[in-house]
Each structure stands twice: as C-alpha cells, then as structure tokens.
Amino acid sequence: MTDPRFAGAAAVLLAALLATGTARAEGACDPSRVDIRDADGSARISVEVVDTAQGRERGLMYRESLPRYSGMLFVYEYAQPVAFWMENTLIPLDMLFFDASGRLERIHENARPLDRTPIPGGEDIRFVLELNAGMARTLDIEPGAELRHPAVDQAAAAWPCGQ
C-alpha cells in the first residue's frame, strides 16, 4: 500500500522523469545509428561504427549481405584525404563522404564488388558511410546533407545531437 503523503510527490517525479526521457530520446544521438537530413527530409540508418585502423582496413570485406537500412560508419580521428577500394568486398556499395562537421561532401554510387580501383573521397573527410548500392538514391541523399551522430564533434556539428 502506498503512503498517501508520498503518492502525489511520486506522481510528479515520475511525470518529470518521463518528460525528460522523451525530450532526450527525440534529440539524442545513438551510437548505433546515424540520422541524415537535407531540405527534402531525413533518414535514419542503423550503423556499425569502425573507429580503429584495423576496423577501417577490414570494413565490410567478406560479408555477403547488409540489411536494407543499415551501413558501416568509418570514423577517423581527424579530417584527412581518404580513398577506398572494394578488394574482398562482396556487396555493391554507395559511399558517402562527410567532413568534420558532418556535412556530406561527395557520394560514390554503386562501387563494384572486388574492384581494386581507388575511390577518392576528398581531402578533408572525417566520416564515411557505406550503404547498399542504390540507397543514397532511394533515400534521395545529396551532397550538402547533414549527418547526426555522437562521433561528430558537437561544437562543430552541422546537426548537433541536441536538435
């Protein structure tokens, strides 16, 4: 049985906690997903984050499939020139190259499996998102779009986590 002296206080506390949780959920960044937006809308994609040299080197090699709204987010310590290739990668991919603020600089669509041709991303790239080939077009993602993820420095983010 609840003590009536505390019932009202407990209800207020519960309401405050629920409201705070809801506000956080709407603007919070989740490390297991990225949000991408532009003037036409937004998309949410589940991601596996690779932020070590070994993880970035392996990437999606040897995998036979990738779920439809999923991808791999490559995170570099600082903005730098990057180039990718598809050696030992069995899935055709779209590669999205973002600067340090999370702004999309370049898209390479439909990278061919097993191709060793370098795919340049740009000079000042900090994040690369790999998706199934055709997803960038399906989601209508274009250069200038903004990436929201906790790996982006929030002080410099084009789309901070709190928004």
Protein backbone atom coordinates (compact mmCIF):
# COMPACT_ATOMS: atom_id res chain seq x y z
CA MET A 1 0.00 0.00 0.00
CA THR A 2 1.32 3.47 -0.90
CA ASP A 3 1.57 6.12 1.77
CA PRO A 4 -0.79 8.92 0.62
CA ARG A 5 1.71 11.55 1.77
CA PHE A 6 4.12 10.41 -0.95
CA ALA A 7 1.71 9.45 -3.72
CA GLY A 8 1.46 12.98 -5.14
CA ALA A 9 5.23 13.56 -4.98
CA ALA A 10 5.88 10.19 -6.65
CA ALA A 11 3.47 11.03 -9.48
CA VAL A 12 5.17 14.38 -10.08
CA LEU A 13 8.62 12.75 -10.03
CA LEU A 14 7.50 10.03 -12.44
CA ALA A 15 6.00 12.58 -14.83
CA ALA A 16 9.20 14.64 -14.73
CA LEU A 17 11.35 11.58 -15.44
CA LEU A 18 9.14 10.51 -18.33
CA ALA A 19 9.14 14.01 -19.83
CA THR A 20 12.91 14.27 -19.53
CA GLY A 21 13.39 10.85 -21.10
CA THR A 22 11.14 11.74 -24.01
CA ALA A 23 12.96 15.01 -24.65
CA ARG A 24 16.30 13.23 -24.57
CA ALA A 25 15.12 10.48 -26.90
CA GLU A 26 13.99 12.94 -29.56
CA GLY A 27 17.26 14.90 -29.73
CA ALA A 28 19.69 12.29 -28.50
CA CYS A 29 22.30 10.63 -30.65
CA ASP A 30 22.56 6.89 -30.53
CA PRO A 31 25.95 5.40 -31.44
CA SER A 32 24.20 2.55 -33.26
CA ARG A 33 22.52 4.81 -35.81
CA VAL A 34 23.03 7.88 -37.95
CA ASP A 35 20.45 10.43 -38.95
CA ILE A 36 20.87 12.22 -42.27
CA ARG A 37 18.86 15.27 -43.27
CA ASP A 38 18.61 17.80 -46.04
CA ALA A 39 15.97 20.27 -47.20
CA ASP A 40 13.79 17.44 -48.53
CA GLY A 41 13.65 15.26 -45.40
CA SER A 42 15.62 12.89 -43.23
CA ALA A 43 16.56 9.23 -42.90
CA ARG A 44 17.68 7.01 -40.05
CA ILE A 45 20.18 4.24 -40.67
CA SER A 46 21.46 1.58 -38.27
CA VAL A 47 25.24 1.54 -38.30
CA GLU A 48 28.20 -0.44 -37.19
CA VAL A 49 30.92 2.04 -36.21
CA VAL A 50 34.54 1.36 -37.07
CA ASP A 51 36.95 3.81 -35.49
CA THR A 52 40.23 1.90 -35.38
CA ALA A 53 42.79 1.45 -38.14
CA GLN A 54 42.19 -2.31 -38.12
CA GLY A 55 38.42 -1.91 -38.29
CA ARG A 56 38.61 0.63 -41.11
CA GLU A 57 41.02 -1.61 -43.03
CA ARG A 58 38.64 -4.58 -42.88
CA GLY A 59 35.38 -2.65 -43.30
CA LEU A 60 32.71 -4.76 -44.98
CA MET A 61 35.15 -7.21 -46.56
CA TYR A 62 33.96 -10.81 -46.91
CA ARG A 63 30.37 -10.05 -45.91
CA GLU A 64 27.71 -11.44 -48.19
CA SER A 65 24.87 -9.10 -47.24
CA LEU A 66 23.95 -5.91 -45.48
CA PRO A 67 20.43 -5.21 -44.13
CA ARG A 68 18.49 -2.63 -46.18
CA TYR A 69 18.57 0.38 -43.82
CA SER A 70 21.96 -0.45 -42.34
CA GLY A 71 25.51 0.58 -43.02
CA MET A 72 29.01 0.97 -41.71
CA LEU A 73 30.26 4.31 -40.40
CA PHE A 74 34.01 4.84 -40.68
CA VAL A 75 35.24 7.40 -38.15
CA TYR A 76 38.69 9.00 -38.48
CA GLU A 77 40.49 10.84 -35.69
CA TYR A 78 40.74 14.00 -37.82
CA ALA A 79 39.72 15.23 -41.28
CA GLN A 80 42.08 13.92 -43.95
CA PRO A 81 42.30 12.74 -47.55
CA VAL A 82 40.65 9.32 -47.89
CA ALA A 83 40.27 6.78 -50.66
CA PHE A 84 38.54 3.40 -50.57
CA TRP A 85 38.55 0.33 -52.75
CA MET A 86 36.42 -2.78 -52.93
CA GLU A 87 39.03 -5.52 -52.67
CA ASN A 88 37.46 -8.55 -50.96
CA THR A 89 34.16 -6.67 -50.63
CA LEU A 90 31.32 -8.78 -51.99
CA ILE A 91 28.45 -6.28 -51.72
CA PRO A 92 27.94 -3.37 -54.15
CA LEU A 93 28.01 -0.18 -52.08
CA ASP A 94 27.27 3.52 -52.04
CA MET A 95 29.96 5.52 -50.21
CA LEU A 96 29.09 8.84 -48.61
CA PHE A 97 32.00 11.08 -47.60
CA PHE A 98 31.43 13.66 -44.82
CA ASP A 99 33.62 16.46 -43.47
CA ALA A 100 34.35 17.06 -39.77
CA SER A 101 31.07 18.93 -39.24
CA GLY A 102 29.08 16.01 -40.67
CA ARG A 103 28.28 17.74 -43.98
CA LEU A 104 28.15 15.42 -46.99
CA GLU A 105 30.87 16.35 -49.46
CA ARG A 106 30.72 13.54 -52.01
CA ILE A 107 28.81 10.39 -52.93
CA HIS A 108 30.22 7.48 -54.89
CA GLU A 109 27.33 5.33 -56.06
CA ASN A 110 27.42 1.63 -56.85
CA ALA A 111 31.02 0.73 -56.07
CA ARG A 112 31.68 -2.60 -57.78
CA PRO A 113 32.48 -5.66 -55.65
CA LEU A 114 36.08 -6.89 -55.72
CA ASP A 115 37.29 -3.83 -57.70
CA ARG A 116 40.73 -2.55 -56.66
CA THR A 117 40.30 0.85 -58.33
CA PRO A 118 40.76 3.61 -55.71
CA ILE A 119 37.64 5.63 -54.92
CA PRO A 120 38.71 9.09 -53.74
CA GLY A 121 36.52 10.67 -51.10
CA GLY A 122 38.05 14.11 -50.84
CA GLU A 123 40.76 15.99 -48.99
CA ASP A 124 39.08 16.83 -45.67
CA ILE A 125 36.98 13.78 -44.86
CA ARG A 126 36.32 12.62 -41.29
CA PHE A 127 33.38 10.20 -41.75
CA VAL A 128 32.49 7.70 -44.45
CA LEU A 129 29.15 5.91 -44.53
CA GLU A 130 28.84 2.76 -46.61
CA LEU A 131 25.34 1.65 -47.63
CA ASN A 132 23.93 -0.91 -50.01
CA ALA A 133 24.26 0.30 -53.60
CA GLY A 134 21.29 2.40 -54.61
CA MET A 135 20.32 3.50 -51.08
CA ALA A 136 21.65 7.05 -51.48
CA ARG A 137 19.37 7.50 -54.48
CA THR A 138 16.45 5.67 -52.83
CA LEU A 139 16.72 7.95 -49.79
CA ASP A 140 17.31 11.00 -52.02
CA ILE A 141 20.56 11.86 -50.22
CA GLU A 142 22.62 14.54 -51.97
CA PRO A 143 25.82 16.49 -51.24
CA GLY A 144 25.19 19.11 -48.58
CA ALA A 145 23.11 16.74 -46.42
CA GLU A 146 23.97 16.67 -42.72
CA LEU A 147 24.94 13.69 -40.57
CA ARG A 148 23.96 13.44 -36.89
CA HIS A 149 25.95 11.01 -34.74
CA PRO A 150 27.76 11.26 -31.38
CA ALA A 151 31.16 10.79 -33.09
CA VAL A 152 30.76 14.23 -34.69
CA ASP A 153 32.30 16.98 -32.51
CA GLN A 154 29.12 18.58 -31.20
CA ALA A 155 30.67 22.05 -31.00
CA ALA A 156 31.36 21.93 -34.75
CA ALA A 157 28.43 19.75 -35.88
CA ALA A 158 26.22 20.93 -38.72
CA TRP A 159 23.42 18.98 -36.98
CA PRO A 160 24.15 18.60 -33.25
CA CYS A 161 22.70 15.78 -31.21
CA GLY A 162 20.52 18.09 -29.13
CA GLN A 163 18.45 19.16 -32.13
